N, C-alpha and C. Protein backbone atom coordinates (compact mmCIF):
# COMPACT_ATOMS: atom_id res chain seq x y z
N MET A 1 -58.89 18.31 -15.64
CA MET A 1 -58.40 17.86 -16.93
C MET A 1 -57.60 18.96 -17.64
N LEU A 2 -58.20 20.16 -17.73
CA LEU A 2 -57.52 21.27 -18.39
C LEU A 2 -56.22 21.62 -17.66
N ASN A 3 -56.23 21.56 -16.34
CA ASN A 3 -55.03 21.83 -15.56
C ASN A 3 -53.92 20.85 -15.93
N GLY A 4 -54.26 19.57 -16.07
CA GLY A 4 -53.29 18.55 -16.46
C GLY A 4 -52.72 18.81 -17.85
N ILE A 5 -53.59 19.21 -18.77
CA ILE A 5 -53.15 19.52 -20.13
C ILE A 5 -52.16 20.68 -20.13
N LEU A 6 -52.46 21.70 -19.36
CA LEU A 6 -51.57 22.86 -19.29
C LEU A 6 -50.23 22.51 -18.66
N ILE A 7 -50.24 21.65 -17.66
CA ILE A 7 -48.99 21.21 -17.03
C ILE A 7 -48.14 20.42 -18.02
N VAL A 8 -48.77 19.48 -18.75
CA VAL A 8 -48.05 18.70 -19.76
C VAL A 8 -47.50 19.63 -20.84
N ALA A 9 -48.31 20.58 -21.29
CA ALA A 9 -47.88 21.52 -22.33
C ALA A 9 -46.68 22.35 -21.88
N ALA A 10 -46.70 22.81 -20.64
CA ALA A 10 -45.57 23.59 -20.12
C ALA A 10 -44.29 22.76 -20.12
N GLY A 11 -44.39 21.51 -19.67
CA GLY A 11 -43.22 20.63 -19.68
C GLY A 11 -42.75 20.35 -21.09
N ALA A 12 -43.68 20.18 -22.02
CA ALA A 12 -43.33 19.88 -23.40
C ALA A 12 -42.61 21.05 -24.06
N ILE A 13 -43.04 22.26 -23.77
CA ILE A 13 -42.36 23.43 -24.33
C ILE A 13 -40.91 23.47 -23.87
N ILE A 14 -40.70 23.27 -22.57
CA ILE A 14 -39.35 23.30 -22.03
C ILE A 14 -38.52 22.15 -22.60
N GLY A 15 -39.12 20.95 -22.68
CA GLY A 15 -38.41 19.79 -23.21
C GLY A 15 -38.02 19.95 -24.67
N ALA A 16 -38.93 20.48 -25.48
CA ALA A 16 -38.65 20.67 -26.90
C ALA A 16 -37.53 21.69 -27.11
N VAL A 17 -37.56 22.77 -26.36
CA VAL A 17 -36.51 23.78 -26.47
C VAL A 17 -35.17 23.21 -26.01
N ALA A 18 -35.18 22.46 -24.92
CA ALA A 18 -33.94 21.84 -24.43
C ALA A 18 -33.38 20.87 -25.46
N ARG A 19 -34.25 20.07 -26.08
CA ARG A 19 -33.79 19.13 -27.11
C ARG A 19 -33.19 19.88 -28.28
N PHE A 20 -33.86 20.93 -28.73
CA PHE A 20 -33.35 21.73 -29.84
C PHE A 20 -31.95 22.26 -29.51
N LEU A 21 -31.80 22.83 -28.33
CA LEU A 21 -30.51 23.41 -27.95
C LEU A 21 -29.41 22.36 -27.90
N ILE A 22 -29.70 21.22 -27.30
CA ILE A 22 -28.67 20.17 -27.19
C ILE A 22 -28.30 19.62 -28.55
N THR A 23 -29.28 19.32 -29.40
CA THR A 23 -28.95 18.77 -30.72
C THR A 23 -28.27 19.83 -31.59
N HIS A 24 -28.66 21.09 -31.45
CA HIS A 24 -28.03 22.16 -32.22
C HIS A 24 -26.57 22.33 -31.80
N ILE A 25 -26.33 22.40 -30.51
CA ILE A 25 -24.97 22.56 -30.01
C ILE A 25 -24.11 21.35 -30.40
N SER A 26 -24.66 20.16 -30.29
CA SER A 26 -23.94 18.95 -30.67
C SER A 26 -23.58 18.97 -32.16
N SER A 27 -24.52 19.39 -32.97
CA SER A 27 -24.28 19.48 -34.41
C SER A 27 -23.20 20.50 -34.73
N GLU A 28 -23.24 21.64 -34.06
CA GLU A 28 -22.22 22.67 -34.26
C GLU A 28 -20.84 22.17 -33.84
N LEU A 29 -20.78 21.49 -32.71
CA LEU A 29 -19.49 20.99 -32.22
C LEU A 29 -18.89 19.94 -33.14
N SER A 30 -19.76 19.16 -33.80
CA SER A 30 -19.26 18.12 -34.71
C SER A 30 -19.19 18.63 -36.15
N HIS A 31 -19.42 19.92 -36.34
CA HIS A 31 -19.40 20.55 -37.67
C HIS A 31 -20.38 19.88 -38.62
N HIS A 32 -21.53 19.47 -38.09
CA HIS A 32 -22.64 18.88 -38.85
C HIS A 32 -22.28 17.54 -39.50
N HIS A 33 -21.28 16.89 -38.98
CA HIS A 33 -20.88 15.58 -39.51
C HIS A 33 -20.70 14.61 -38.34
N GLY A 34 -20.89 13.36 -38.63
CA GLY A 34 -20.56 12.36 -37.63
C GLY A 34 -21.74 11.79 -36.89
N PHE A 35 -21.43 11.15 -35.80
CA PHE A 35 -22.39 10.42 -34.98
C PHE A 35 -23.41 11.38 -34.38
N PRO A 36 -24.70 10.96 -34.30
CA PRO A 36 -25.74 11.83 -33.74
C PRO A 36 -25.71 11.87 -32.20
N TYR A 37 -24.68 12.50 -31.66
CA TYR A 37 -24.52 12.57 -30.21
C TYR A 37 -25.68 13.29 -29.53
N GLY A 38 -26.23 14.30 -30.16
CA GLY A 38 -27.33 15.05 -29.56
C GLY A 38 -28.52 14.17 -29.24
N THR A 39 -28.89 13.31 -30.18
CA THR A 39 -30.01 12.38 -29.96
C THR A 39 -29.69 11.42 -28.83
N LEU A 40 -28.47 10.90 -28.83
CA LEU A 40 -28.06 9.99 -27.77
C LEU A 40 -28.11 10.68 -26.41
N VAL A 41 -27.61 11.89 -26.33
CA VAL A 41 -27.60 12.63 -25.06
C VAL A 41 -29.02 12.86 -24.55
N VAL A 42 -29.92 13.35 -25.42
CA VAL A 42 -31.28 13.64 -24.94
C VAL A 42 -32.00 12.36 -24.52
N ASN A 43 -31.76 11.26 -25.24
CA ASN A 43 -32.42 10.01 -24.86
C ASN A 43 -31.91 9.49 -23.53
N VAL A 44 -30.61 9.54 -23.31
CA VAL A 44 -30.04 9.03 -22.05
C VAL A 44 -30.43 9.94 -20.88
N VAL A 45 -30.28 11.24 -21.04
CA VAL A 45 -30.65 12.17 -19.97
C VAL A 45 -32.14 12.06 -19.67
N GLY A 46 -32.95 11.96 -20.72
CA GLY A 46 -34.40 11.81 -20.52
C GLY A 46 -34.74 10.55 -19.75
N CYS A 47 -34.00 9.48 -20.00
CA CYS A 47 -34.25 8.23 -19.27
C CYS A 47 -33.87 8.35 -17.80
N VAL A 48 -32.80 9.07 -17.49
CA VAL A 48 -32.46 9.31 -16.08
C VAL A 48 -33.60 10.07 -15.41
N ILE A 49 -34.08 11.10 -16.08
CA ILE A 49 -35.16 11.91 -15.52
C ILE A 49 -36.42 11.08 -15.32
N VAL A 50 -36.79 10.28 -16.33
CA VAL A 50 -37.99 9.44 -16.23
C VAL A 50 -37.85 8.44 -15.09
N GLY A 51 -36.69 7.79 -14.99
CA GLY A 51 -36.48 6.83 -13.91
C GLY A 51 -36.62 7.48 -12.55
N TYR A 52 -36.04 8.65 -12.39
CA TYR A 52 -36.12 9.36 -11.11
C TYR A 52 -37.55 9.82 -10.82
N VAL A 53 -38.15 10.53 -11.76
CA VAL A 53 -39.47 11.13 -11.53
C VAL A 53 -40.54 10.06 -11.31
N LEU A 54 -40.54 9.01 -12.12
CA LEU A 54 -41.58 7.99 -11.96
C LEU A 54 -41.40 7.19 -10.68
N THR A 55 -40.16 7.00 -10.23
CA THR A 55 -39.94 6.34 -8.94
C THR A 55 -40.40 7.25 -7.81
N TRP A 56 -40.07 8.52 -7.88
CA TRP A 56 -40.46 9.49 -6.86
C TRP A 56 -41.97 9.64 -6.80
N THR A 57 -42.63 9.77 -7.92
CA THR A 57 -44.07 10.00 -7.93
C THR A 57 -44.88 8.75 -7.63
N ALA A 58 -44.27 7.57 -7.74
CA ALA A 58 -44.99 6.33 -7.43
C ALA A 58 -45.26 6.22 -5.93
N ASN A 59 -44.41 6.82 -5.12
CA ASN A 59 -44.53 6.71 -3.67
C ASN A 59 -45.23 7.91 -3.02
N HIS A 60 -45.59 8.89 -3.79
CA HIS A 60 -46.20 10.11 -3.25
C HIS A 60 -47.28 10.60 -4.21
N GLU A 61 -48.04 11.53 -3.74
CA GLU A 61 -49.05 12.17 -4.59
C GLU A 61 -48.44 13.40 -5.27
N HIS A 62 -47.67 13.16 -6.30
CA HIS A 62 -47.03 14.25 -7.04
C HIS A 62 -47.42 14.17 -8.51
N ASP A 63 -48.71 14.08 -8.78
CA ASP A 63 -49.17 13.96 -10.16
C ASP A 63 -48.71 15.12 -11.03
N ARG A 64 -48.67 16.31 -10.46
CA ARG A 64 -48.25 17.47 -11.25
C ARG A 64 -46.80 17.33 -11.71
N TRP A 65 -45.92 16.84 -10.84
CA TRP A 65 -44.53 16.65 -11.24
C TRP A 65 -44.40 15.55 -12.29
N ARG A 66 -45.18 14.48 -12.13
CA ARG A 66 -45.16 13.40 -13.12
C ARG A 66 -45.61 13.93 -14.47
N LEU A 67 -46.70 14.68 -14.48
CA LEU A 67 -47.21 15.25 -15.73
C LEU A 67 -46.22 16.24 -16.34
N LEU A 68 -45.66 17.11 -15.51
CA LEU A 68 -44.74 18.13 -16.00
C LEU A 68 -43.46 17.51 -16.55
N MET A 69 -42.82 16.65 -15.75
CA MET A 69 -41.49 16.15 -16.10
C MET A 69 -41.50 14.89 -16.97
N ALA A 70 -42.25 13.87 -16.57
CA ALA A 70 -42.22 12.61 -17.32
C ALA A 70 -43.02 12.72 -18.62
N THR A 71 -44.27 13.13 -18.51
CA THR A 71 -45.12 13.19 -19.70
C THR A 71 -44.77 14.38 -20.59
N GLY A 72 -44.69 15.57 -20.01
CA GLY A 72 -44.44 16.78 -20.80
C GLY A 72 -43.00 16.94 -21.23
N PHE A 73 -42.12 17.16 -20.25
CA PHE A 73 -40.72 17.44 -20.57
C PHE A 73 -40.07 16.28 -21.32
N CYS A 74 -40.09 15.08 -20.73
CA CYS A 74 -39.40 13.95 -21.36
C CYS A 74 -40.08 13.50 -22.65
N GLY A 75 -41.40 13.66 -22.71
CA GLY A 75 -42.10 13.31 -23.95
C GLY A 75 -41.63 14.15 -25.12
N ALA A 76 -41.34 15.42 -24.87
CA ALA A 76 -40.86 16.30 -25.94
C ALA A 76 -39.33 16.28 -26.06
N PHE A 77 -38.65 15.98 -24.97
CA PHE A 77 -37.19 16.03 -24.93
C PHE A 77 -36.56 14.83 -25.62
N THR A 78 -37.05 13.64 -25.32
CA THR A 78 -36.48 12.43 -25.92
C THR A 78 -37.08 12.22 -27.30
N THR A 79 -36.40 11.42 -28.11
CA THR A 79 -36.85 11.30 -29.49
C THR A 79 -36.52 9.95 -30.10
N PHE A 80 -37.49 9.07 -30.09
CA PHE A 80 -37.28 7.77 -30.70
C PHE A 80 -37.29 7.87 -32.22
N SER A 81 -38.10 8.75 -32.76
CA SER A 81 -38.18 8.86 -34.22
C SER A 81 -36.86 9.33 -34.82
N ALA A 82 -36.18 10.28 -34.19
CA ALA A 82 -34.89 10.72 -34.70
C ALA A 82 -33.86 9.60 -34.58
N PHE A 83 -33.89 8.88 -33.48
CA PHE A 83 -32.99 7.74 -33.30
C PHE A 83 -33.19 6.71 -34.41
N ALA A 84 -34.43 6.38 -34.71
CA ALA A 84 -34.73 5.39 -35.75
C ALA A 84 -34.27 5.89 -37.12
N TYR A 85 -34.55 7.15 -37.42
CA TYR A 85 -34.16 7.71 -38.72
C TYR A 85 -32.64 7.74 -38.86
N GLU A 86 -31.95 8.20 -37.83
CA GLU A 86 -30.50 8.29 -37.90
C GLU A 86 -29.87 6.90 -38.03
N SER A 87 -30.45 5.92 -37.37
CA SER A 87 -29.95 4.55 -37.50
C SER A 87 -30.12 4.05 -38.93
N MET A 88 -31.30 4.25 -39.49
CA MET A 88 -31.56 3.79 -40.86
C MET A 88 -30.72 4.55 -41.89
N ALA A 89 -30.40 5.80 -41.62
CA ALA A 89 -29.54 6.56 -42.53
C ALA A 89 -28.17 5.90 -42.63
N TYR A 90 -27.64 5.43 -41.50
CA TYR A 90 -26.38 4.69 -41.53
C TYR A 90 -26.52 3.41 -42.34
N TRP A 91 -27.60 2.70 -42.16
CA TRP A 91 -27.85 1.44 -42.87
C TRP A 91 -27.87 1.68 -44.38
N HIS A 92 -28.58 2.70 -44.80
CA HIS A 92 -28.75 2.97 -46.24
C HIS A 92 -27.46 3.35 -46.94
N VAL A 93 -26.50 3.89 -46.23
CA VAL A 93 -25.23 4.24 -46.87
C VAL A 93 -24.16 3.19 -46.59
N GLY A 94 -24.58 2.07 -46.02
CA GLY A 94 -23.66 0.96 -45.81
C GLY A 94 -22.74 1.08 -44.61
N GLN A 95 -23.01 2.01 -43.70
CA GLN A 95 -22.20 2.16 -42.50
C GLN A 95 -22.79 1.28 -41.39
N ILE A 96 -22.61 -0.02 -41.56
CA ILE A 96 -23.23 -0.99 -40.66
C ILE A 96 -22.68 -0.87 -39.24
N GLY A 97 -21.39 -0.58 -39.11
CA GLY A 97 -20.81 -0.41 -37.78
C GLY A 97 -21.45 0.75 -37.03
N ALA A 98 -21.62 1.89 -37.70
CA ALA A 98 -22.27 3.04 -37.07
C ALA A 98 -23.73 2.75 -36.78
N PHE A 99 -24.39 2.02 -37.67
CA PHE A 99 -25.78 1.60 -37.48
C PHE A 99 -25.91 0.79 -36.19
N MET A 100 -25.05 -0.21 -36.04
CA MET A 100 -25.10 -1.07 -34.86
C MET A 100 -24.69 -0.32 -33.59
N LEU A 101 -23.67 0.54 -33.70
CA LEU A 101 -23.23 1.32 -32.54
C LEU A 101 -24.35 2.24 -32.05
N ASN A 102 -25.04 2.90 -32.98
CA ASN A 102 -26.12 3.81 -32.59
C ASN A 102 -27.24 3.06 -31.88
N ILE A 103 -27.63 1.92 -32.41
CA ILE A 103 -28.69 1.13 -31.79
C ILE A 103 -28.24 0.61 -30.42
N LEU A 104 -27.06 0.06 -30.36
CA LEU A 104 -26.55 -0.49 -29.10
C LEU A 104 -26.37 0.62 -28.05
N ALA A 105 -25.74 1.72 -28.43
CA ALA A 105 -25.49 2.80 -27.48
C ALA A 105 -26.79 3.38 -26.94
N ASN A 106 -27.75 3.66 -27.81
CA ASN A 106 -29.02 4.24 -27.35
C ASN A 106 -29.76 3.29 -26.43
N ASN A 107 -29.81 2.02 -26.77
CA ASN A 107 -30.56 1.07 -25.94
C ASN A 107 -29.86 0.77 -24.62
N VAL A 108 -28.59 0.45 -24.66
CA VAL A 108 -27.87 0.10 -23.43
C VAL A 108 -27.78 1.31 -22.50
N LEU A 109 -27.39 2.46 -23.04
CA LEU A 109 -27.25 3.64 -22.18
C LEU A 109 -28.59 4.14 -21.67
N SER A 110 -29.64 4.06 -22.48
CA SER A 110 -30.96 4.51 -22.03
C SER A 110 -31.52 3.60 -20.95
N LEU A 111 -31.37 2.29 -21.11
CA LEU A 111 -31.83 1.38 -20.06
C LEU A 111 -31.03 1.59 -18.78
N GLY A 112 -29.73 1.75 -18.91
CA GLY A 112 -28.90 2.03 -17.75
C GLY A 112 -29.26 3.36 -17.10
N ALA A 113 -29.62 4.34 -17.92
CA ALA A 113 -29.98 5.65 -17.39
C ALA A 113 -31.27 5.60 -16.58
N VAL A 114 -32.23 4.79 -17.01
CA VAL A 114 -33.45 4.63 -16.22
C VAL A 114 -33.09 4.05 -14.85
N LEU A 115 -32.23 3.06 -14.83
CA LEU A 115 -31.78 2.47 -13.57
C LEU A 115 -31.08 3.51 -12.70
N VAL A 116 -30.24 4.34 -13.30
CA VAL A 116 -29.57 5.41 -12.55
C VAL A 116 -30.61 6.35 -11.94
N GLY A 117 -31.62 6.72 -12.71
CA GLY A 117 -32.67 7.59 -12.19
C GLY A 117 -33.39 6.98 -11.02
N ILE A 118 -33.68 5.68 -11.11
CA ILE A 118 -34.34 4.97 -10.01
C ILE A 118 -33.43 4.96 -8.78
N LYS A 119 -32.16 4.65 -8.99
CA LYS A 119 -31.21 4.59 -7.87
C LYS A 119 -30.99 5.96 -7.25
N LEU A 120 -30.99 7.01 -8.06
CA LEU A 120 -30.82 8.37 -7.52
C LEU A 120 -31.95 8.73 -6.57
N HIS A 121 -33.12 8.25 -6.86
CA HIS A 121 -34.25 8.56 -5.99
C HIS A 121 -34.13 7.83 -4.66
N ARG A 122 -33.69 6.61 -4.70
CA ARG A 122 -33.62 5.79 -3.49
C ARG A 122 -32.41 6.19 -2.72
């Protein structure tokens, strides 16, 4: 049990730092204005990783990789709460087009990314 917790924690540390770096760089590139590309990128990339890792670990005894990458890394790397907040921020200022684009892009691209991850494994 403790070994599993440590593996998840190690993945979470790496995932959180990676998310910070991607969202920070994205924010700098957009001069702190505009569409939340960083959140979209981490969610889509995280879905590719989850699709790949969970497909790979379903056919083998790789619990450590599942814990490290899917539970730890992707759990800390992807962010539904930021996606929800950023979507509602658009709604509250009347930017309905950006609100709808953010929801559509995150959902369609993330679902497609899981499929890509599954296909990459096969």
